[in-house]
């Protein structure tokens, strides 16, 4: 398990580095994202959907504020249109991470872990627990993209990857889009309370998985 967590740490560190670089250089900061959403408020649903969807898809490169975008989609587009846009955008982000890491996965593994024995252990662990990891990966920022990278690195079959990533993404999107659709700028509390509940549940599942996998057999 420690080798798998080490690999996670390296990949998450890479995404954190991108996030810091984007904010320090001003290429795409959190305030920029909020400005873009504010700028299209009042535009046609197609324009709003394209902007939010593309921003969510770019999360793999720019670490955008996913919660803000998903709840904004519900608020600006309503439940069903917001759900379609956000699921499509988040899935595209995960697909990009999966595809890029599938191409260069073996080199990444060798660079981080070094030995064949460590690589084998991580491969076996991810083949056993990778599906569950994809489902609960929304428990932490940058964890979804990191888990998609691991799925690509270990060449998880695409159909399996898509199924379990959507199983984790769809409930997350349903809850946050709905909460965004029933909230308002004057009353954001439904979304805030719902977001807290989602994260408590995901954290509990994630923590239970880690504890179970760390128990000696």
N, C-alpha and C. Protein backbone atom coordinates (compact mmCIF):
# COMPACT_ATOMS: atom_id res chain seq x y z
N UNK A 1 0.82 -1.21 0.00
CA UNK A 1 0.00 0.00 0.00
C UNK A 1 0.85 1.27 0.00
N UNK A 2 2.00 1.22 0.70
CA UNK A 2 2.83 2.42 0.79
C UNK A 2 3.35 2.85 -0.58
N UNK A 3 3.61 1.87 -1.47
CA UNK A 3 4.08 2.22 -2.81
C UNK A 3 2.97 2.89 -3.62
N UNK A 4 1.74 2.41 -3.45
CA UNK A 4 0.61 3.02 -4.14
C UNK A 4 0.38 4.44 -3.64
N UNK A 5 0.45 4.64 -2.32
CA UNK A 5 0.29 5.98 -1.76
C UNK A 5 1.43 6.90 -2.21
N UNK A 6 2.62 6.35 -2.36
CA UNK A 6 3.74 7.14 -2.85
C UNK A 6 3.47 7.61 -4.28
N UNK A 7 2.95 6.71 -5.10
CA UNK A 7 2.62 7.08 -6.48
C UNK A 7 1.53 8.14 -6.51
N UNK A 8 0.50 7.97 -5.65
CA UNK A 8 -0.54 8.98 -5.53
C UNK A 8 0.07 10.33 -5.16
N UNK A 9 0.98 10.32 -4.18
CA UNK A 9 1.58 11.56 -3.70
C UNK A 9 2.32 12.28 -4.81
N UNK A 10 3.05 11.55 -5.62
CA UNK A 10 3.78 12.17 -6.73
C UNK A 10 2.83 12.79 -7.75
N UNK A 11 1.77 12.06 -8.08
CA UNK A 11 0.84 12.57 -9.09
C UNK A 11 0.07 13.78 -8.55
N UNK A 12 -0.41 13.69 -7.30
CA UNK A 12 -1.12 14.82 -6.70
C UNK A 12 -0.17 16.03 -6.59
N UNK A 13 1.09 15.77 -6.21
CA UNK A 13 2.07 16.84 -6.15
C UNK A 13 2.24 17.54 -7.49
N UNK A 14 2.19 16.75 -8.56
CA UNK A 14 2.29 17.33 -9.91
C UNK A 14 1.13 18.27 -10.18
N UNK A 15 -0.11 17.85 -9.81
CA UNK A 15 -1.28 18.70 -10.03
C UNK A 15 -1.26 19.92 -9.13
N UNK A 16 -0.78 19.76 -7.90
CA UNK A 16 -0.65 20.91 -7.00
C UNK A 16 0.33 21.92 -7.58
N UNK A 17 1.44 21.41 -8.16
CA UNK A 17 2.42 22.29 -8.79
C UNK A 17 1.81 23.09 -9.93
N UNK A 18 0.98 22.43 -10.75
CA UNK A 18 0.30 23.13 -11.84
C UNK A 18 -0.61 24.22 -11.29
N UNK A 19 -1.36 23.86 -10.24
CA UNK A 19 -2.29 24.83 -9.63
C UNK A 19 -1.54 26.07 -9.14
N UNK A 20 -0.43 25.85 -8.45
CA UNK A 20 0.34 26.98 -7.92
C UNK A 20 0.94 27.80 -9.06
N UNK A 21 1.42 27.11 -10.10
CA UNK A 21 1.99 27.82 -11.24
C UNK A 21 0.95 28.69 -11.92
N UNK A 22 -0.25 28.14 -12.12
CA UNK A 22 -1.30 28.90 -12.78
C UNK A 22 -1.66 30.15 -11.99
N UNK A 23 -1.73 30.02 -10.65
CA UNK A 23 -2.12 31.15 -9.82
C UNK A 23 -1.00 32.17 -9.70
N UNK A 24 0.24 31.70 -9.61
CA UNK A 24 1.36 32.63 -9.46
C UNK A 24 1.62 33.42 -10.75
N UNK A 25 1.41 32.76 -11.88
CA UNK A 25 1.65 33.43 -13.16
C UNK A 25 0.42 34.17 -13.67
N UNK A 26 -0.74 33.87 -13.06
CA UNK A 26 -1.97 34.53 -13.49
C UNK A 26 -2.55 33.99 -14.77
N UNK A 27 -2.11 32.80 -15.20
CA UNK A 27 -2.63 32.21 -16.43
C UNK A 27 -4.12 31.85 -16.30
N UNK A 28 -4.47 31.19 -15.21
CA UNK A 28 -5.88 30.86 -14.97
C UNK A 28 -6.06 30.65 -13.47
N UNK A 29 -6.35 31.71 -12.77
CA UNK A 29 -6.52 31.64 -11.32
C UNK A 29 -7.98 31.36 -10.99
N UNK A 30 -8.25 31.08 -9.73
CA UNK A 30 -9.62 30.84 -9.28
C UNK A 30 -10.48 32.07 -9.56
N UNK A 31 -9.93 33.25 -9.33
CA UNK A 31 -10.70 34.47 -9.58
C UNK A 31 -11.00 34.63 -11.07
N UNK A 32 -10.10 34.17 -11.93
CA UNK A 32 -10.36 34.21 -13.38
C UNK A 32 -11.55 33.33 -13.74
N UNK A 33 -11.57 32.13 -13.15
CA UNK A 33 -12.68 31.20 -13.43
C UNK A 33 -14.00 31.83 -13.00
N UNK A 34 -14.03 32.41 -11.82
CA UNK A 34 -15.26 33.04 -11.34
C UNK A 34 -15.64 34.22 -12.22
N UNK A 35 -14.64 34.93 -12.72
CA UNK A 35 -14.91 36.06 -13.63
C UNK A 35 -15.54 35.56 -14.93
N UNK A 36 -15.03 34.46 -15.49
CA UNK A 36 -15.58 33.92 -16.73
C UNK A 36 -17.05 33.49 -16.55
N UNK A 37 -17.33 32.86 -15.41
CA UNK A 37 -18.71 32.43 -15.15
C UNK A 37 -19.62 33.64 -14.99
N UNK A 38 -19.13 34.66 -14.26
CA UNK A 38 -19.93 35.88 -14.09
C UNK A 38 -20.17 36.57 -15.42
N UNK A 39 -19.17 36.52 -16.31
CA UNK A 39 -19.27 37.21 -17.60
C UNK A 39 -20.34 36.59 -18.50
N UNK A 40 -20.56 35.27 -18.38
CA UNK A 40 -21.55 34.63 -19.26
C UNK A 40 -22.92 34.53 -18.60
N UNK A 41 -23.02 34.95 -17.34
CA UNK A 41 -24.32 34.95 -16.68
C UNK A 41 -25.27 35.86 -17.44
N UNK A 42 -26.42 35.34 -17.80
CA UNK A 42 -27.36 36.10 -18.61
C UNK A 42 -27.26 35.79 -20.09
N UNK A 43 -26.20 35.05 -20.49
CA UNK A 43 -26.08 34.63 -21.89
C UNK A 43 -27.00 33.45 -22.15
N UNK A 44 -26.96 32.95 -23.37
CA UNK A 44 -27.80 31.80 -23.72
C UNK A 44 -27.32 30.56 -22.96
N UNK A 45 -28.22 29.61 -22.71
CA UNK A 45 -27.80 28.37 -22.03
C UNK A 45 -26.67 27.65 -22.76
N UNK A 46 -26.65 27.74 -24.09
CA UNK A 46 -25.59 27.08 -24.85
C UNK A 46 -24.22 27.67 -24.51
N UNK A 47 -24.14 28.99 -24.45
CA UNK A 47 -22.87 29.65 -24.13
C UNK A 47 -22.45 29.32 -22.70
N UNK A 48 -23.38 29.40 -21.78
CA UNK A 48 -23.07 29.09 -20.38
C UNK A 48 -22.59 27.65 -20.25
N UNK A 49 -23.30 26.74 -20.92
CA UNK A 49 -22.94 25.33 -20.86
C UNK A 49 -21.56 25.07 -21.44
N UNK A 50 -21.25 25.70 -22.57
CA UNK A 50 -19.93 25.51 -23.19
C UNK A 50 -18.81 26.02 -22.29
N UNK A 51 -18.99 27.19 -21.69
CA UNK A 51 -17.96 27.77 -20.84
C UNK A 51 -17.74 26.89 -19.60
N UNK A 52 -18.80 26.51 -18.93
CA UNK A 52 -18.65 25.68 -17.72
C UNK A 52 -18.11 24.30 -18.07
N UNK A 53 -18.61 23.70 -19.16
CA UNK A 53 -18.14 22.39 -19.56
C UNK A 53 -16.66 22.39 -19.91
N UNK A 54 -16.21 23.40 -20.65
CA UNK A 54 -14.80 23.48 -21.03
C UNK A 54 -13.91 23.77 -19.82
N UNK A 55 -14.38 24.60 -18.91
CA UNK A 55 -13.60 24.85 -17.69
C UNK A 55 -13.46 23.58 -16.87
N UNK A 56 -14.53 22.80 -16.75
CA UNK A 56 -14.44 21.53 -16.02
C UNK A 56 -13.51 20.55 -16.73
N UNK A 57 -13.56 20.52 -18.04
CA UNK A 57 -12.68 19.62 -18.79
C UNK A 57 -11.22 20.02 -18.63
N UNK A 58 -10.97 21.32 -18.44
CA UNK A 58 -9.59 21.79 -18.30
C UNK A 58 -9.03 21.53 -16.91
N UNK A 59 -9.84 20.96 -16.02
CA UNK A 59 -9.40 20.72 -14.64
C UNK A 59 -8.14 19.88 -14.57
N UNK A 60 -7.95 19.00 -15.53
CA UNK A 60 -6.77 18.14 -15.54
C UNK A 60 -5.49 18.94 -15.73
N UNK A 61 -5.60 20.12 -16.33
CA UNK A 61 -4.43 20.96 -16.56
C UNK A 61 -4.34 22.16 -15.61
N UNK A 62 -5.49 22.68 -15.21
CA UNK A 62 -5.49 23.96 -14.48
C UNK A 62 -6.04 23.89 -13.06
N UNK A 63 -6.53 22.76 -12.60
CA UNK A 63 -7.06 22.62 -11.24
C UNK A 63 -8.09 23.70 -10.94
N UNK A 64 -9.17 23.72 -11.70
CA UNK A 64 -10.22 24.73 -11.52
C UNK A 64 -11.09 24.38 -10.32
N UNK A 65 -11.83 25.35 -9.76
CA UNK A 65 -12.71 25.09 -8.61
C UNK A 65 -13.96 24.32 -9.02
N UNK A 66 -13.88 23.00 -8.95
CA UNK A 66 -14.95 22.14 -9.46
C UNK A 66 -16.28 22.38 -8.75
N UNK A 67 -16.24 22.48 -7.42
CA UNK A 67 -17.49 22.66 -6.67
C UNK A 67 -18.20 23.94 -7.12
N UNK A 68 -17.46 25.01 -7.25
CA UNK A 68 -18.05 26.28 -7.69
C UNK A 68 -18.69 26.13 -9.07
N UNK A 69 -18.00 25.46 -10.00
CA UNK A 69 -18.52 25.32 -11.36
C UNK A 69 -19.76 24.43 -11.41
N UNK A 70 -19.74 23.34 -10.63
CA UNK A 70 -20.88 22.42 -10.66
C UNK A 70 -22.13 23.07 -10.05
N UNK A 71 -21.96 23.72 -8.91
CA UNK A 71 -23.12 24.39 -8.30
C UNK A 71 -23.58 25.58 -9.16
N UNK A 72 -22.65 26.26 -9.81
CA UNK A 72 -23.02 27.36 -10.70
C UNK A 72 -23.82 26.86 -11.89
N UNK A 73 -23.47 25.67 -12.39
CA UNK A 73 -24.22 25.08 -13.50
C UNK A 73 -25.67 24.83 -13.10
N UNK A 74 -25.86 24.31 -11.88
CA UNK A 74 -27.23 24.10 -11.40
C UNK A 74 -27.97 25.40 -11.24
N UNK A 75 -27.30 26.40 -10.72
CA UNK A 75 -27.92 27.71 -10.49
C UNK A 75 -28.28 28.40 -11.79
N UNK A 76 -27.38 28.35 -12.79
CA UNK A 76 -27.57 29.09 -14.03
C UNK A 76 -28.36 28.33 -15.09
N UNK A 77 -28.27 27.00 -15.08
CA UNK A 77 -28.87 26.21 -16.16
C UNK A 77 -30.06 25.37 -15.71
N UNK A 78 -30.25 25.23 -14.40
CA UNK A 78 -31.26 24.32 -13.92
C UNK A 78 -30.69 22.92 -13.79
N UNK A 79 -31.49 22.02 -13.23
CA UNK A 79 -30.96 20.71 -12.86
C UNK A 79 -30.51 19.88 -14.05
N UNK A 80 -31.38 19.62 -15.01
CA UNK A 80 -31.06 18.64 -16.05
C UNK A 80 -29.97 19.12 -16.98
N UNK A 81 -30.07 20.37 -17.45
CA UNK A 81 -29.02 20.90 -18.32
C UNK A 81 -27.70 21.02 -17.56
N UNK A 82 -27.77 21.46 -16.31
CA UNK A 82 -26.56 21.57 -15.49
C UNK A 82 -25.90 20.22 -15.27
N UNK A 83 -26.74 19.20 -15.05
CA UNK A 83 -26.21 17.85 -14.84
C UNK A 83 -25.50 17.34 -16.09
N UNK A 84 -26.10 17.54 -17.25
CA UNK A 84 -25.50 17.08 -18.51
C UNK A 84 -24.15 17.77 -18.74
N UNK A 85 -24.11 19.06 -18.56
CA UNK A 85 -22.88 19.84 -18.80
C UNK A 85 -21.78 19.42 -17.84
N UNK A 86 -22.10 19.29 -16.56
CA UNK A 86 -21.06 19.01 -15.57
C UNK A 86 -20.53 17.58 -15.68
N UNK A 87 -21.41 16.62 -15.91
CA UNK A 87 -20.94 15.25 -16.06
C UNK A 87 -20.06 15.12 -17.30
N UNK A 88 -20.48 15.76 -18.39
CA UNK A 88 -19.67 15.71 -19.62
C UNK A 88 -18.31 16.36 -19.40
N UNK A 89 -18.29 17.51 -18.75
CA UNK A 89 -17.02 18.21 -18.51
C UNK A 89 -16.09 17.43 -17.61
N UNK A 90 -16.62 16.89 -16.50
CA UNK A 90 -15.78 16.13 -15.57
C UNK A 90 -15.31 14.82 -16.19
N UNK A 91 -16.16 14.19 -16.98
CA UNK A 91 -15.74 12.94 -17.62
C UNK A 91 -14.64 13.21 -18.65
N UNK A 92 -14.76 14.30 -19.39
CA UNK A 92 -13.73 14.63 -20.37
C UNK A 92 -12.40 14.90 -19.68
N UNK A 93 -12.42 15.57 -18.53
CA UNK A 93 -11.19 15.81 -17.78
C UNK A 93 -10.54 14.50 -17.37
N UNK A 94 -11.35 13.58 -16.83
CA UNK A 94 -10.82 12.27 -16.44
C UNK A 94 -10.31 11.48 -17.62
N UNK A 95 -11.02 11.58 -18.74
CA UNK A 95 -10.61 10.85 -19.95
C UNK A 95 -9.26 11.33 -20.46
N UNK A 96 -9.04 12.65 -20.42
CA UNK A 96 -7.75 13.20 -20.85
C UNK A 96 -6.64 12.66 -19.96
N UNK A 97 -6.86 12.68 -18.64
CA UNK A 97 -5.84 12.17 -17.71
C UNK A 97 -5.56 10.70 -17.96
N UNK A 98 -6.62 9.91 -18.14
CA UNK A 98 -6.50 8.47 -18.39
C UNK A 98 -5.69 8.21 -19.67
N UNK A 99 -6.03 8.94 -20.73
CA UNK A 99 -5.39 8.71 -22.03
C UNK A 99 -3.92 9.10 -22.01
N UNK A 100 -3.61 10.28 -21.45
CA UNK A 100 -2.22 10.73 -21.41
C UNK A 100 -1.35 9.77 -20.61
N UNK A 101 -1.87 9.30 -19.47
CA UNK A 101 -1.07 8.40 -18.63
C UNK A 101 -1.02 6.98 -19.18
N UNK A 102 -1.99 6.61 -19.96
CA UNK A 102 -1.94 5.28 -20.59
C UNK A 102 -0.78 5.22 -21.59
N UNK A 103 -0.51 6.34 -22.26
CA UNK A 103 0.59 6.39 -23.23
C UNK A 103 1.96 6.29 -22.55
N UNK A 104 2.09 6.90 -21.40
CA UNK A 104 3.42 6.99 -20.77
C UNK A 104 3.48 6.32 -19.40
N UNK A 105 2.53 5.42 -19.13
CA UNK A 105 2.40 4.85 -17.80
C UNK A 105 3.61 4.08 -17.29
N UNK A 106 4.19 3.23 -18.12
CA UNK A 106 5.30 2.41 -17.66
C UNK A 106 6.50 3.28 -17.27
N UNK A 107 6.75 4.33 -18.04
CA UNK A 107 7.87 5.23 -17.72
C UNK A 107 7.63 5.96 -16.40
N UNK A 108 6.37 6.36 -16.16
CA UNK A 108 6.03 7.03 -14.90
C UNK A 108 6.26 6.09 -13.72
N UNK A 109 5.78 4.85 -13.86
CA UNK A 109 5.95 3.86 -12.79
C UNK A 109 7.42 3.63 -12.48
N UNK A 110 8.21 3.45 -13.51
CA UNK A 110 9.63 3.16 -13.30
C UNK A 110 10.35 4.36 -12.68
N UNK A 111 9.97 5.57 -13.09
CA UNK A 111 10.61 6.77 -12.56
C UNK A 111 10.30 6.96 -11.07
N UNK A 112 9.04 6.70 -10.67
CA UNK A 112 8.64 6.92 -9.28
C UNK A 112 9.06 5.78 -8.38
N UNK A 113 8.83 4.53 -8.83
CA UNK A 113 9.03 3.38 -7.96
C UNK A 113 10.36 2.69 -8.16
N UNK A 114 10.86 2.69 -9.37
CA UNK A 114 12.17 2.13 -9.63
C UNK A 114 12.16 0.63 -9.87
N UNK A 115 11.99 -0.17 -8.82
CA UNK A 115 12.14 -1.61 -8.92
C UNK A 115 10.92 -2.32 -9.49
N UNK A 116 11.18 -3.48 -10.10
CA UNK A 116 10.10 -4.28 -10.67
C UNK A 116 9.17 -4.82 -9.60
N UNK A 117 9.70 -5.17 -8.43
CA UNK A 117 8.87 -5.71 -7.36
C UNK A 117 7.87 -4.67 -6.87
N UNK A 118 8.33 -3.42 -6.68
CA UNK A 118 7.44 -2.35 -6.26
C UNK A 118 6.36 -2.08 -7.31
N UNK A 119 6.77 -2.11 -8.58
CA UNK A 119 5.82 -1.89 -9.66
C UNK A 119 4.76 -2.98 -9.68
N UNK A 120 5.18 -4.22 -9.45
CA UNK A 120 4.24 -5.34 -9.44
C UNK A 120 3.24 -5.20 -8.29
N UNK A 121 3.73 -4.81 -7.11
CA UNK A 121 2.86 -4.66 -5.94
C UNK A 121 1.80 -3.59 -6.20
N UNK A 122 2.22 -2.46 -6.75
CA UNK A 122 1.29 -1.37 -7.03
C UNK A 122 0.28 -1.79 -8.08
N UNK A 123 0.75 -2.49 -9.10
CA UNK A 123 -0.14 -2.95 -10.16
C UNK A 123 -1.21 -3.88 -9.60
N UNK A 124 -0.81 -4.81 -8.75
CA UNK A 124 -1.78 -5.75 -8.16
C UNK A 124 -2.78 -5.03 -7.26
N UNK A 125 -2.28 -4.08 -6.47
CA UNK A 125 -3.17 -3.33 -5.58
C UNK A 125 -4.19 -2.53 -6.38
N UNK A 126 -3.73 -1.86 -7.44
CA UNK A 126 -4.67 -1.03 -8.19
C UNK A 126 -5.67 -1.89 -8.96
N UNK A 127 -5.24 -3.03 -9.45
CA UNK A 127 -6.18 -3.91 -10.13
C UNK A 127 -7.25 -4.41 -9.17
N UNK A 128 -6.90 -4.55 -7.89
CA UNK A 128 -7.86 -5.02 -6.89
C UNK A 128 -8.78 -3.90 -6.41
N UNK A 129 -8.21 -2.72 -6.15
CA UNK A 129 -8.97 -1.65 -5.50
C UNK A 129 -9.20 -0.43 -6.39
N UNK A 130 -8.73 -0.47 -7.62
CA UNK A 130 -8.85 0.70 -8.48
C UNK A 130 -10.27 1.11 -8.78
N UNK A 131 -11.16 0.12 -8.94
CA UNK A 131 -12.57 0.45 -9.23
C UNK A 131 -13.19 1.23 -8.09
N UNK A 132 -12.95 0.78 -6.85
CA UNK A 132 -13.47 1.49 -5.69
C UNK A 132 -12.84 2.87 -5.56
N UNK A 133 -11.55 2.98 -5.87
CA UNK A 133 -10.87 4.27 -5.79
C UNK A 133 -11.48 5.27 -6.75
N UNK A 134 -11.85 4.82 -7.96
CA UNK A 134 -12.49 5.72 -8.93
C UNK A 134 -13.84 6.21 -8.41
N UNK A 135 -14.58 5.34 -7.73
CA UNK A 135 -15.90 5.71 -7.24
C UNK A 135 -15.82 6.77 -6.16
N UNK A 136 -14.84 6.66 -5.24
CA UNK A 136 -14.78 7.59 -4.10
C UNK A 136 -13.74 8.70 -4.31
N UNK A 137 -13.21 8.82 -5.51
CA UNK A 137 -12.10 9.77 -5.73
C UNK A 137 -12.52 11.22 -5.57
N UNK A 138 -13.82 11.51 -5.58
CA UNK A 138 -14.26 12.89 -5.39
C UNK A 138 -14.13 13.34 -3.94
N UNK A 139 -13.58 12.49 -3.08
CA UNK A 139 -13.44 12.84 -1.67
C UNK A 139 -12.44 13.96 -1.44
N UNK A 140 -11.52 14.17 -2.37
CA UNK A 140 -10.49 15.19 -2.20
C UNK A 140 -10.25 15.92 -3.52
N UNK A 141 -9.94 17.21 -3.48
CA UNK A 141 -9.55 17.90 -4.71
C UNK A 141 -8.30 17.24 -5.31
N UNK A 142 -8.25 17.17 -6.62
CA UNK A 142 -7.15 16.62 -7.40
C UNK A 142 -7.05 15.10 -7.32
N UNK A 143 -7.82 14.47 -6.45
CA UNK A 143 -7.81 13.01 -6.38
C UNK A 143 -8.47 12.37 -7.60
N UNK A 144 -9.57 12.94 -8.16
CA UNK A 144 -10.16 12.31 -9.35
C UNK A 144 -9.18 12.20 -10.51
N UNK A 145 -8.49 13.31 -10.82
CA UNK A 145 -7.54 13.28 -11.94
C UNK A 145 -6.37 12.34 -11.65
N UNK A 146 -5.92 12.32 -10.40
CA UNK A 146 -4.82 11.43 -10.02
C UNK A 146 -5.23 9.97 -10.17
N UNK A 147 -6.45 9.64 -9.76
CA UNK A 147 -6.92 8.25 -9.88
C UNK A 147 -7.12 7.87 -11.33
N UNK A 148 -7.59 8.81 -12.15
CA UNK A 148 -7.70 8.55 -13.59
C UNK A 148 -6.33 8.31 -14.20
N UNK A 149 -5.34 9.07 -13.74
CA UNK A 149 -3.97 8.84 -14.21
C UNK A 149 -3.52 7.43 -13.86
N UNK A 150 -3.80 7.00 -12.63
CA UNK A 150 -3.40 5.65 -12.21
C UNK A 150 -4.12 4.59 -13.04
N UNK A 151 -5.40 4.85 -13.37
CA UNK A 151 -6.13 3.90 -14.21
C UNK A 151 -5.47 3.79 -15.58
N UNK A 152 -5.01 4.92 -16.12
CA UNK A 152 -4.32 4.88 -17.39
C UNK A 152 -2.96 4.22 -17.30
N UNK A 153 -2.21 4.55 -16.24
CA UNK A 153 -0.88 3.96 -16.03
C UNK A 153 -0.97 2.44 -15.99
N UNK A 154 -1.99 1.92 -15.31
CA UNK A 154 -2.12 0.48 -15.16
C UNK A 154 -2.99 -0.15 -16.25
N UNK A 155 -3.29 0.64 -17.28
CA UNK A 155 -4.03 0.15 -18.45
C UNK A 155 -5.33 -0.55 -18.08
N UNK A 156 -6.08 0.07 -17.17
CA UNK A 156 -7.42 -0.43 -16.88
C UNK A 156 -8.24 -0.39 -18.17
N UNK A 157 -8.98 -1.44 -18.49
CA UNK A 157 -9.80 -1.41 -19.70
C UNK A 157 -10.70 -0.18 -19.74
N UNK A 158 -10.83 0.43 -20.92
CA UNK A 158 -11.54 1.70 -21.01
C UNK A 158 -12.98 1.58 -20.51
N UNK A 159 -13.67 0.50 -20.89
CA UNK A 159 -15.05 0.35 -20.46
C UNK A 159 -15.19 0.31 -18.94
N UNK A 160 -14.27 -0.39 -18.30
CA UNK A 160 -14.28 -0.47 -16.84
C UNK A 160 -13.98 0.88 -16.22
N UNK A 161 -12.98 1.57 -16.78
CA UNK A 161 -12.65 2.91 -16.30
C UNK A 161 -13.85 3.84 -16.41
N UNK A 162 -14.48 3.88 -17.58
CA UNK A 162 -15.60 4.79 -17.81
C UNK A 162 -16.75 4.48 -16.87
N UNK A 163 -17.05 3.19 -16.67
CA UNK A 163 -18.16 2.80 -15.81
C UNK A 163 -17.94 3.27 -14.37
N UNK A 164 -16.79 2.95 -13.80
CA UNK A 164 -16.58 3.26 -12.38
C UNK A 164 -16.31 4.74 -12.15
N UNK A 165 -15.70 5.41 -13.11
CA UNK A 165 -15.51 6.85 -12.97
C UNK A 165 -16.86 7.56 -13.00
N UNK A 166 -17.76 7.12 -13.88
CA UNK A 166 -19.09 7.71 -13.92
C UNK A 166 -19.91 7.36 -12.68
N UNK A 167 -19.71 6.16 -12.15
CA UNK A 167 -20.41 5.78 -10.91
C UNK A 167 -20.03 6.69 -9.75
N UNK A 168 -18.80 7.19 -9.77
CA UNK A 168 -18.38 8.12 -8.73
C UNK A 168 -18.75 9.56 -9.05
N UNK A 169 -18.72 9.92 -10.33
CA UNK A 169 -18.96 11.30 -10.73
C UNK A 169 -20.44 11.66 -10.76
N UNK A 170 -21.28 10.74 -11.21
CA UNK A 170 -22.70 11.05 -11.38
C UNK A 170 -23.40 11.41 -10.07
N UNK A 171 -23.28 10.61 -8.99
CA UNK A 171 -23.95 11.01 -7.74
C UNK A 171 -23.44 12.35 -7.21
N UNK A 172 -22.13 12.57 -7.31
CA UNK A 172 -21.53 13.84 -6.89
C UNK A 172 -22.16 15.00 -7.66
N UNK A 173 -22.27 14.83 -8.99
CA UNK A 173 -22.84 15.89 -9.82
C UNK A 173 -24.33 16.08 -9.52
N UNK A 174 -25.07 14.98 -9.35
CA UNK A 174 -26.50 15.07 -9.07
C UNK A 174 -26.75 15.91 -7.82
N UNK A 175 -26.02 15.60 -6.74
CA UNK A 175 -26.23 16.31 -5.48
C UNK A 175 -25.88 17.79 -5.62
N UNK A 176 -24.69 18.09 -6.16
CA UNK A 176 -24.24 19.48 -6.20
C UNK A 176 -25.01 20.31 -7.23
N UNK A 177 -25.35 19.73 -8.37
CA UNK A 177 -26.16 20.48 -9.35
C UNK A 177 -27.54 20.77 -8.77
N UNK A 178 -28.13 19.79 -8.12
CA UNK A 178 -29.46 20.03 -7.52
C UNK A 178 -29.38 21.12 -6.46
N UNK A 179 -28.38 21.04 -5.59
CA UNK A 179 -28.24 22.05 -4.55
C UNK A 179 -27.99 23.43 -5.13
N UNK A 180 -27.21 23.48 -6.22
CA UNK A 180 -27.03 24.76 -6.89
C UNK A 180 -28.32 25.28 -7.48
N UNK A 181 -29.16 24.37 -7.99
CA UNK A 181 -30.41 24.79 -8.64
C UNK A 181 -31.43 25.31 -7.64
N UNK A 182 -31.35 24.89 -6.37
CA UNK A 182 -32.31 25.36 -5.37
C UNK A 182 -31.71 26.43 -4.47
N UNK A 183 -30.46 26.80 -4.71
CA UNK A 183 -29.84 27.87 -3.95
C UNK A 183 -29.94 29.18 -4.73
N UNK A 184 -29.48 30.22 -4.11
CA UNK A 184 -29.42 31.52 -4.77
C UNK A 184 -28.24 32.29 -4.20
N UNK A 185 -27.92 33.39 -4.83
CA UNK A 185 -26.81 34.19 -4.31
C UNK A 185 -27.13 34.74 -2.92
N UNK A 186 -28.42 34.95 -2.66
CA UNK A 186 -28.81 35.46 -1.35
C UNK A 186 -28.93 34.34 -0.33
N UNK A 187 -29.13 33.10 -0.80
CA UNK A 187 -29.30 31.97 0.12
C UNK A 187 -28.48 30.78 -0.37
N UNK A 188 -27.15 30.80 -0.14
CA UNK A 188 -26.29 29.72 -0.61
C UNK A 188 -26.23 28.53 0.35
N UNK A 189 -26.96 28.60 1.46
CA UNK A 189 -26.78 27.59 2.51
C UNK A 189 -27.17 26.17 2.10
N UNK A 190 -28.22 25.96 1.29
CA UNK A 190 -28.48 24.57 0.85
C UNK A 190 -27.28 23.93 0.16
N UNK A 191 -26.63 24.70 -0.73
CA UNK A 191 -25.46 24.15 -1.43
C UNK A 191 -24.31 23.90 -0.46
N UNK A 192 -24.08 24.84 0.45
CA UNK A 192 -22.96 24.69 1.39
C UNK A 192 -23.16 23.48 2.30
N UNK A 193 -24.37 23.31 2.81
CA UNK A 193 -24.65 22.17 3.69
C UNK A 193 -24.57 20.85 2.92
N UNK A 194 -25.09 20.86 1.70
CA UNK A 194 -25.03 19.64 0.90
C UNK A 194 -23.63 19.25 0.54
N UNK A 195 -22.80 20.23 0.18
CA UNK A 195 -21.41 19.96 -0.14
C UNK A 195 -20.70 19.33 1.05
N UNK A 196 -20.95 19.88 2.24
CA UNK A 196 -20.35 19.33 3.46
C UNK A 196 -20.76 17.88 3.66
N UNK A 197 -22.04 17.58 3.44
CA UNK A 197 -22.52 16.20 3.59
C UNK A 197 -21.89 15.25 2.61
N UNK A 198 -21.76 15.69 1.34
CA UNK A 198 -21.12 14.86 0.31
C UNK A 198 -19.70 14.51 0.71
N UNK A 199 -18.95 15.50 1.17
CA UNK A 199 -17.55 15.26 1.52
C UNK A 199 -17.41 14.39 2.76
N UNK A 200 -18.30 14.54 3.73
CA UNK A 200 -18.24 13.68 4.91
C UNK A 200 -18.43 12.22 4.52
N UNK A 201 -19.41 11.95 3.65
CA UNK A 201 -19.68 10.57 3.21
C UNK A 201 -18.49 10.01 2.42
N UNK A 202 -17.98 10.79 1.46
CA UNK A 202 -16.86 10.32 0.65
C UNK A 202 -15.61 10.11 1.49
N UNK A 203 -15.36 11.03 2.42
CA UNK A 203 -14.20 10.88 3.31
C UNK A 203 -14.31 9.61 4.13
N UNK A 204 -15.52 9.31 4.64
CA UNK A 204 -15.72 8.12 5.45
C UNK A 204 -15.44 6.86 4.64
N UNK A 205 -15.94 6.82 3.41
CA UNK A 205 -15.71 5.65 2.56
C UNK A 205 -14.23 5.51 2.23
N UNK A 206 -13.59 6.63 1.88
CA UNK A 206 -12.16 6.62 1.53
C UNK A 206 -11.32 6.16 2.71
N UNK A 207 -11.61 6.69 3.90
CA UNK A 207 -10.85 6.33 5.10
C UNK A 207 -11.03 4.84 5.43
N UNK A 208 -12.25 4.33 5.26
CA UNK A 208 -12.51 2.92 5.53
C UNK A 208 -11.74 2.04 4.56
N UNK A 209 -11.67 2.45 3.28
CA UNK A 209 -10.91 1.69 2.29
C UNK A 209 -9.44 1.62 2.65
N UNK A 210 -8.87 2.78 3.06
CA UNK A 210 -7.45 2.81 3.41
C UNK A 210 -7.17 1.94 4.63
N UNK A 211 -8.02 2.03 5.66
CA UNK A 211 -7.83 1.23 6.87
C UNK A 211 -7.94 -0.26 6.58
N UNK A 212 -8.90 -0.62 5.73
CA UNK A 212 -9.09 -2.03 5.38
C UNK A 212 -7.88 -2.56 4.63
N UNK A 213 -7.35 -1.76 3.71
CA UNK A 213 -6.22 -2.21 2.90
C UNK A 213 -4.93 -2.25 3.68
N UNK A 214 -4.84 -1.49 4.79
CA UNK A 214 -3.63 -1.47 5.61
C UNK A 214 -3.60 -2.55 6.67
N UNK A 215 -4.74 -3.24 6.87
CA UNK A 215 -4.78 -4.30 7.88
C UNK A 215 -3.94 -5.49 7.41
N UNK A 216 -3.16 -6.07 8.32
CA UNK A 216 -2.39 -7.23 7.92
C UNK A 216 -3.30 -8.42 7.63
N UNK A 217 -2.95 -9.15 6.60
CA UNK A 217 -3.78 -10.29 6.21
C UNK A 217 -3.43 -11.51 7.06
